[in-house]
């Protein structure tokens, strides 16, 4: 595959890659790797021949060729999800690095189209609560469809700007922030990523990522974990942003010790490190990930500007329960708009502390007045 890489991108990468620069550029000109992750609740093993296991995810497999998803009943039944192999390292991180409670409350902040959300749902196996969020309406619809097909009832899909989560102080045990980025890791998979790339856009992405991290950090519990990832090679969007969080928020950057045979690059960040997946070293696309922990040394981050908030109010169950055949939901009404209904059996203790906390959640059960 012939790929014309931006000149400024090449110049920056020469310093990053050193002697492996030629191998790196050559890898970007190869065809992308095809991989999927199985839903272990629906499939005991891969239904295809000639597959190979993804080293860091027990349900991940490399495929010799791309299935025709639209014609595959297994895909429509949520038996597997086409996911980029590098990003499946999230499975290893939540199982081997994050020490979570028995019933964790988890946020996937930038959830669409659903790869990480469905992975987290499989990790939870019905325990705790997963909030899968996507701010863009069209992408949130796709996210809701994929999460629904995956088949776990402890998941809700929301459509909120990251700034809205700042009010949910110390709610989440784990946050996953797969931040919008300059997309350098997708160059060989999506030509539009090359067309849209510029040094100025990459710098803008780095600043936007800082705003997102600033917005959601208050919602993370003390000793909670934030897994940060991008699909770019740009240090200002990756390790430099993690160092910024360590300096500005007092976040602890965890040390991640992965098997050498994986071919993953360790990127030092203070006493910890991030993981970089380079296409000339691993079978996967470009990816960066690091894990932050909120410690006792937490610092106060500057507040980001907030948009005007819509107001919600809870209503007695009896007033609207008949619309859903007396289903056991908590109901919230947004002024001049519709109804939100949150399943009671998913309501953890924190839901009772303040109905306003969860009133903005745009869950699957939506009833117009």
Protein backbone atom coordinates (compact mmCIF):
# COMPACT_ATOMS: atom_id res chain seq x y z
CA UNK A 1 0.00 0.00 0.00
CA UNK A 2 1.52 3.30 -1.12
CA UNK A 3 1.33 5.91 1.64
CA UNK A 4 2.61 9.48 1.30
CA UNK A 5 3.48 10.58 4.82
CA UNK A 6 3.49 14.28 5.83
CA UNK A 7 6.97 15.82 5.76
CA UNK A 8 6.68 17.36 9.24
CA UNK A 9 5.61 13.98 10.58
CA UNK A 10 8.68 12.32 9.06
CA UNK A 11 10.99 14.98 10.50
CA UNK A 12 9.63 14.53 14.01
CA UNK A 13 9.74 10.72 13.82
CA UNK A 14 13.40 10.72 12.80
CA UNK A 15 14.27 11.88 16.30
CA UNK A 16 11.82 9.46 17.93
CA UNK A 17 12.66 6.28 16.02
CA UNK A 18 16.39 6.73 15.49
CA UNK A 19 17.93 3.79 13.64
CA UNK A 20 14.59 1.98 13.33
CA UNK A 21 13.05 4.83 11.30
CA UNK A 22 13.19 2.97 7.97
CA UNK A 23 11.53 -0.12 9.43
CA UNK A 24 8.86 2.07 11.01
CA UNK A 25 8.04 3.87 7.75
CA UNK A 26 8.04 0.59 5.85
CA UNK A 27 5.56 -0.88 8.34
CA UNK A 28 3.23 2.09 7.80
CA UNK A 29 3.17 1.18 4.11
CA UNK A 30 2.02 -2.38 4.77
CA UNK A 31 -1.58 -3.53 4.94
CA UNK A 32 -3.18 -3.19 8.39
CA UNK A 33 -3.59 -6.24 10.62
CA UNK A 34 -7.08 -7.73 11.03
CA UNK A 35 -8.13 -8.81 14.54
CA UNK A 36 -11.27 -9.52 16.55
CA UNK A 37 -12.14 -10.11 20.19
CA UNK A 38 -14.60 -12.86 21.16
CA UNK A 39 -17.52 -12.55 23.56
CA UNK A 40 -16.67 -15.40 25.93
CA UNK A 41 -20.28 -15.52 27.13
CA UNK A 42 -21.39 -16.50 23.63
CA UNK A 43 -18.41 -18.23 21.99
CA UNK A 44 -16.09 -20.79 23.58
CA UNK A 45 -13.50 -20.37 20.85
CA UNK A 46 -12.86 -18.81 17.44
CA UNK A 47 -15.16 -20.11 14.67
CA UNK A 48 -12.55 -19.44 11.95
CA UNK A 49 -9.55 -21.44 10.79
CA UNK A 50 -6.02 -20.10 10.62
CA UNK A 51 -6.36 -17.65 13.50
CA UNK A 52 -3.55 -16.66 15.90
CA UNK A 53 -3.92 -15.47 19.49
CA UNK A 54 -3.27 -11.87 20.51
CA UNK A 55 -0.61 -12.20 23.27
CA UNK A 56 -2.08 -9.64 25.69
CA UNK A 57 -5.76 -10.60 25.40
CA UNK A 58 -6.98 -14.21 25.86
CA UNK A 59 -10.10 -13.59 23.76
CA UNK A 60 -8.30 -11.67 20.99
CA UNK A 61 -7.36 -13.27 17.67
CA UNK A 62 -5.60 -12.25 14.48
CA UNK A 63 -7.54 -13.24 11.37
CA UNK A 64 -6.00 -14.20 8.02
CA UNK A 65 -8.67 -12.18 6.21
CA UNK A 66 -11.52 -9.82 7.00
CA UNK A 67 -14.95 -11.44 7.46
CA UNK A 68 -17.97 -9.99 5.68
CA UNK A 69 -19.52 -8.60 8.85
CA UNK A 70 -22.85 -7.61 7.30
CA UNK A 71 -23.45 -11.23 6.27
CA UNK A 72 -22.25 -12.87 9.49
CA UNK A 73 -24.97 -13.79 12.03
CA UNK A 74 -22.31 -14.18 14.73
CA UNK A 75 -21.34 -10.54 14.35
CA UNK A 76 -24.93 -9.32 14.55
CA UNK A 77 -25.49 -11.53 17.61
CA UNK A 78 -22.61 -9.88 19.47
CA UNK A 79 -20.46 -13.01 19.49
CA UNK A 80 -17.34 -11.07 18.53
CA UNK A 81 -16.18 -7.50 18.00
CA UNK A 82 -13.69 -6.31 15.33
CA UNK A 83 -11.09 -4.52 17.44
CA UNK A 84 -7.59 -3.31 16.73
CA UNK A 85 -5.18 -5.72 18.44
CA UNK A 86 -2.98 -3.11 20.14
CA UNK A 87 -5.93 -1.58 21.99
CA UNK A 88 -6.84 -5.00 23.43
CA UNK A 89 -4.01 -4.48 25.94
CA UNK A 90 -6.74 -2.86 28.04
CA UNK A 91 -7.72 -6.41 29.01
CA UNK A 92 -4.28 -7.07 30.51
CA UNK A 93 -4.25 -3.71 32.28
CA UNK A 94 -7.59 -4.10 34.06
CA UNK A 95 -6.78 -7.67 35.12
CA UNK A 96 -3.11 -7.38 36.04
CA UNK A 97 -2.53 -3.74 37.02
CA UNK A 98 -5.76 -2.30 38.42
CA UNK A 99 -6.76 -3.50 41.90
CA UNK A 100 -10.51 -2.90 41.76
CA UNK A 101 -13.30 -3.63 44.28
CA UNK A 102 -15.75 -6.50 43.81
CA UNK A 103 -18.45 -4.19 42.43
CA UNK A 104 -16.52 -1.46 40.59
CA UNK A 105 -18.08 1.62 39.02
CA UNK A 106 -16.37 2.13 35.66
CA UNK A 107 -16.47 4.94 33.10
CA UNK A 108 -15.46 4.61 29.46
CA UNK A 109 -15.42 8.31 28.65
CA UNK A 110 -14.86 8.24 24.88
CA UNK A 111 -16.60 4.95 24.23
CA UNK A 112 -17.62 4.86 20.57
CA UNK A 113 -17.72 2.73 18.58
CA UNK A 114 -17.56 0.24 21.45
CA UNK A 115 -14.37 -1.81 21.43
CA UNK A 116 -13.18 -0.79 24.87
CA UNK A 117 -16.70 -0.63 26.33
CA UNK A 118 -17.48 -4.21 25.31
CA UNK A 119 -14.07 -5.32 26.60
CA UNK A 120 -14.82 -3.69 29.96
CA UNK A 121 -18.27 -5.30 30.00
CA UNK A 122 -16.65 -8.70 29.51
CA UNK A 123 -14.22 -7.95 32.32
CA UNK A 124 -17.02 -7.00 34.73
CA UNK A 125 -19.18 -10.03 33.77
CA UNK A 126 -22.31 -8.37 35.11
CA UNK A 127 -20.74 -6.99 38.30
CA UNK A 128 -20.73 -3.33 39.26
CA UNK A 129 -21.70 -0.70 36.70
CA UNK A 130 -20.23 0.39 33.38
CA UNK A 131 -21.05 3.86 32.06
CA UNK A 132 -20.15 3.99 28.36
CA UNK A 133 -20.12 7.61 27.22
CA UNK A 134 -19.88 9.26 23.81
CA UNK A 135 -20.53 12.97 23.29
CA UNK A 136 -21.25 12.83 19.53
CA UNK A 137 -24.86 11.79 18.94
CA UNK A 138 -24.33 9.68 15.81
CA UNK A 139 -21.44 7.81 17.42
CA UNK A 140 -23.38 7.35 20.66
CA UNK A 141 -26.08 5.53 18.69
CA UNK A 142 -23.49 3.10 17.32
CA UNK A 143 -22.02 2.66 20.80
CA UNK A 144 -25.44 1.84 22.27
CA UNK A 145 -26.07 -0.72 19.54
CA UNK A 146 -22.74 -2.49 20.09
CA UNK A 147 -23.04 -2.49 23.88
CA UNK A 148 -26.59 -3.81 23.62
CA UNK A 149 -25.53 -6.65 21.31
CA UNK A 150 -22.75 -7.60 23.72
CA UNK A 151 -25.43 -8.59 26.20
CA UNK A 152 -24.60 -7.36 29.73
CA UNK A 153 -27.33 -5.64 31.75
CA UNK A 154 -24.99 -3.64 34.01
CA UNK A 155 -24.12 -1.18 31.23
CA UNK A 156 -25.62 2.21 30.44
CA UNK A 157 -24.81 4.46 27.49
CA UNK A 158 -24.60 8.22 28.01
CA UNK A 159 -24.03 11.22 25.76
CA UNK A 160 -22.35 13.93 27.81
CA UNK A 161 -19.45 16.33 27.46
CA UNK A 162 -16.53 15.39 29.74
CA UNK A 163 -17.13 18.58 31.74
CA UNK A 164 -20.44 17.15 32.98
CA UNK A 165 -18.64 14.41 34.88
CA UNK A 166 -16.77 16.85 37.14
CA UNK A 167 -19.86 17.11 39.36
CA UNK A 168 -19.83 13.36 40.03
CA UNK A 169 -17.14 13.73 42.66
CA UNK A 170 -15.28 10.52 43.58
CA UNK A 171 -17.78 8.26 41.82
CA UNK A 172 -15.66 6.00 39.63
CA UNK A 173 -13.17 3.29 40.63
CA UNK A 174 -11.83 3.15 37.09
CA UNK A 175 -11.91 5.55 34.16
CA UNK A 176 -10.81 4.74 30.64
CA UNK A 177 -10.01 7.81 28.54
CA UNK A 178 -9.22 6.85 24.95
CA UNK A 179 -8.72 10.49 24.06
CA UNK A 180 -9.39 12.09 20.67
CA UNK A 181 -5.99 12.47 19.06
CA UNK A 182 -4.09 13.28 15.87
CA UNK A 183 -4.57 9.69 14.67
CA UNK A 184 -1.02 8.95 13.56
CA UNK A 185 -1.39 5.31 14.56
CA UNK A 186 -4.20 4.91 12.02
CA UNK A 187 -2.23 6.17 9.00
CA UNK A 188 -2.07 2.80 7.25
CA UNK A 189 -5.67 1.98 8.14
CA UNK A 190 -7.36 5.26 7.24
CA UNK A 191 -6.02 7.61 4.56
CA UNK A 192 -8.21 10.40 5.93
CA UNK A 193 -6.02 10.43 9.04
CA UNK A 194 -3.07 11.39 6.84
CA UNK A 195 -5.04 14.04 4.98
CA UNK A 196 -6.24 15.65 8.22
CA UNK A 197 -2.87 15.56 9.99
CA UNK A 198 -0.86 18.71 10.69
CA UNK A 199 1.57 19.74 13.40
CA UNK A 200 -0.88 22.44 14.49
CA UNK A 201 -3.71 19.93 14.76
CA UNK A 202 -1.53 17.60 16.83
CA UNK A 203 -0.77 20.45 19.24
CA UNK A 204 -4.46 21.32 19.46
CA UNK A 205 -5.21 17.68 20.30
CA UNK A 206 -2.68 17.73 23.14
CA UNK A 207 -4.36 20.76 24.71
CA UNK A 208 -7.82 19.27 24.27
CA UNK A 209 -6.65 16.09 25.98
CA UNK A 210 -5.48 18.12 28.96
CA UNK A 211 -8.90 19.76 29.17
CA UNK A 212 -10.60 16.36 29.08
CA UNK A 213 -8.35 14.99 31.82
CA UNK A 214 -8.93 18.10 33.92
CA UNK A 215 -12.69 17.75 33.50
CA UNK A 216 -13.00 14.12 34.57
CA UNK A 217 -10.28 13.85 37.22
CA UNK A 218 -12.58 14.99 40.10
CA UNK A 219 -14.95 12.09 39.35
CA UNK A 220 -12.23 9.50 40.05
CA UNK A 221 -12.19 8.00 43.54
CA UNK A 222 -9.17 8.28 45.79
CA UNK A 223 -6.80 5.41 44.87
CA UNK A 224 -8.83 4.96 41.68
CA UNK A 225 -7.27 4.29 38.28
CA UNK A 226 -7.38 6.25 35.03
CA UNK A 227 -6.24 4.38 31.93
CA UNK A 228 -5.25 6.91 29.28
CA UNK A 229 -4.70 5.93 25.66
CA UNK A 230 -4.33 7.40 22.18
CA UNK A 231 -3.76 6.07 18.68
CA UNK A 232 -0.88 8.43 17.98
CA UNK A 233 2.92 8.43 18.25
CA UNK A 234 3.11 12.11 19.25
CA UNK A 235 4.93 12.57 22.61
CA UNK A 236 3.02 15.78 23.39
CA UNK A 237 -0.23 13.81 23.28
CA UNK A 238 1.18 10.80 25.10
CA UNK A 239 3.95 10.76 27.70
CA UNK A 240 4.11 14.55 27.99
CA UNK A 241 0.44 14.71 28.93
CA UNK A 242 0.97 11.99 31.51
CA UNK A 243 3.90 13.93 32.98
CA UNK A 244 1.64 17.00 32.99
CA UNK A 245 -0.97 15.11 35.03
CA UNK A 246 1.70 13.98 37.47
CA UNK A 247 2.89 17.56 37.95
CA UNK A 248 -0.47 19.35 37.91
CA UNK A 249 -2.74 16.79 39.60
CA UNK A 250 -0.27 14.81 41.69
CA UNK A 251 -1.23 11.67 39.76
CA UNK A 252 0.96 8.61 40.13
CA UNK A 253 2.11 7.17 36.81
CA UNK A 254 2.25 3.42 37.36
CA UNK A 255 5.10 1.18 36.26
CA UNK A 256 3.90 -1.31 33.64
CA UNK A 257 6.06 -4.42 33.29
CA UNK A 258 5.04 -6.37 30.19
CA UNK A 259 6.71 -9.48 28.73
CA UNK A 260 9.61 -8.61 26.45
CA UNK A 261 8.39 -10.97 23.74
CA UNK A 262 5.36 -8.77 23.15
CA UNK A 263 7.60 -6.25 21.40
CA UNK A 264 5.99 -3.31 23.21
CA UNK A 265 8.16 -0.25 23.85
CA UNK A 266 8.47 1.13 27.39
CA UNK A 267 8.23 4.94 27.48
CA UNK A 268 9.67 6.32 30.77
CA UNK A 269 7.46 8.83 32.60
CA UNK A 270 8.98 9.77 35.94
CA UNK A 271 9.03 6.69 38.17
CA UNK A 272 6.51 4.94 35.91
CA UNK A 273 6.13 4.33 32.21
CA UNK A 274 3.74 4.17 29.32
CA UNK A 275 3.49 1.50 26.64
CA UNK A 276 3.96 2.30 22.96
CA UNK A 277 2.83 -0.10 20.25
CA UNK A 278 4.79 0.50 17.05
CA UNK A 279 3.69 -1.30 13.85
CA UNK A 280 7.24 -2.42 13.03
CA UNK A 281 7.51 -4.16 16.42
CA UNK A 282 4.02 -5.56 17.10
CA UNK A 283 1.18 -6.99 15.02
CA UNK A 284 -1.15 -4.06 15.41
CA UNK A 285 -1.62 -0.38 14.74
CA UNK A 286 0.03 2.51 16.56
CA UNK A 287 -1.14 2.87 20.15
CA UNK A 288 -0.05 4.44 23.44
CA UNK A 289 -1.36 3.69 26.91
CA UNK A 290 -0.48 4.63 30.49
CA UNK A 291 -2.17 4.14 33.85
CA UNK A 292 -2.61 6.91 36.43
CA UNK A 293 -3.62 6.45 40.05
CA UNK A 294 -5.15 9.15 42.19
CA UNK A 295 -3.05 9.28 45.36
CA UNK A 296 -3.11 11.13 48.67
CA UNK A 297 -0.78 13.68 47.08
CA UNK A 298 -3.55 14.83 44.76
CA UNK A 299 -3.43 18.51 43.77
CA UNK A 300 -6.37 20.71 42.85
CA UNK A 301 -6.63 21.15 39.10
CA UNK A 302 -7.90 24.45 37.65
CA UNK A 303 -11.60 24.30 36.86
CA UNK A 304 -12.51 24.17 33.19
CA UNK A 305 -15.25 26.41 31.83
CA UNK A 306 -18.65 24.78 32.14
CA UNK A 307 -21.54 25.03 29.75
CA UNK A 308 -24.94 26.02 31.11
CA UNK A 309 -26.43 22.96 32.70
CA UNK A 310 -29.86 21.61 31.86
CA UNK A 311 -32.04 21.02 34.87
CA UNK A 312 -33.57 17.70 35.78
CA UNK A 313 -35.97 16.63 38.46
CA UNK A 314 -36.94 13.22 39.71
CA UNK A 315 -40.59 12.19 39.63
CA UNK A 316 -42.47 9.61 41.66
CA UNK A 317 -42.31 6.12 40.23
CA UNK A 318 -46.10 5.80 40.17
CA UNK A 319 -46.60 8.73 37.76
CA UNK A 320 -44.85 7.07 34.85
CA UNK A 321 -44.38 3.41 35.74
CA UNK A 322 -47.56 2.45 33.91
CA UNK A 323 -45.94 3.58 30.66
CA UNK A 324 -43.47 0.74 31.03
CA UNK A 325 -45.79 -1.88 32.51
CA UNK A 326 -44.74 -1.02 36.04
CA UNK A 327 -41.09 -1.81 35.32
CA UNK A 328 -38.71 -1.20 38.27
CA UNK A 329 -37.01 2.02 37.16
CA UNK A 330 -35.92 5.28 38.68
CA UNK A 331 -37.37 8.09 36.55
CA UNK A 332 -35.98 11.56 35.83
CA UNK A 333 -37.64 14.27 33.75
CA UNK A 334 -35.68 16.89 31.85
CA UNK A 335 -37.54 20.18 31.57
CA UNK A 336 -39.24 20.68 28.16
CA UNK A 337 -37.82 17.42 26.96
CA UNK A 338 -38.20 13.71 27.68
CA UNK A 339 -37.95 11.14 30.42
CA UNK A 340 -34.90 9.20 31.57
CA UNK A 341 -35.41 5.86 33.28
CA UNK A 342 -32.62 4.14 35.19
CA UNK A 343 -33.13 0.45 36.15
CA UNK A 344 -33.46 0.13 39.92
CA UNK A 345 -31.59 -3.15 40.05
CA UNK A 346 -28.49 -1.40 38.71
CA UNK A 347 -28.68 1.42 41.22
CA UNK A 348 -25.75 1.21 43.60
CA UNK A 349 -25.75 2.95 46.96
CA UNK A 350 -24.35 6.13 45.49
CA UNK A 351 -27.48 6.55 43.35
CA UNK A 352 -29.49 7.29 46.46
CA UNK A 353 -27.15 10.04 47.66
CA UNK A 354 -28.48 12.49 45.08
CA UNK A 355 -30.81 11.83 42.19
CA UNK A 356 -29.26 14.77 40.37
CA UNK A 357 -25.98 12.88 40.03
CA UNK A 358 -27.37 10.46 37.50
CA UNK A 359 -30.18 12.50 36.03
CA UNK A 360 -28.24 13.42 32.93
CA UNK A 361 -27.55 9.80 31.96
CA UNK A 362 -29.08 9.08 28.58
CA UNK A 363 -29.80 5.41 29.09
CA UNK A 364 -31.46 3.02 26.73
CA UNK A 365 -34.87 3.33 28.35
CA UNK A 366 -36.14 6.68 27.05
CA UNK A 367 -39.85 7.55 27.06
CA UNK A 368 -41.26 10.70 25.47
CA UNK A 369 -44.12 12.41 27.35
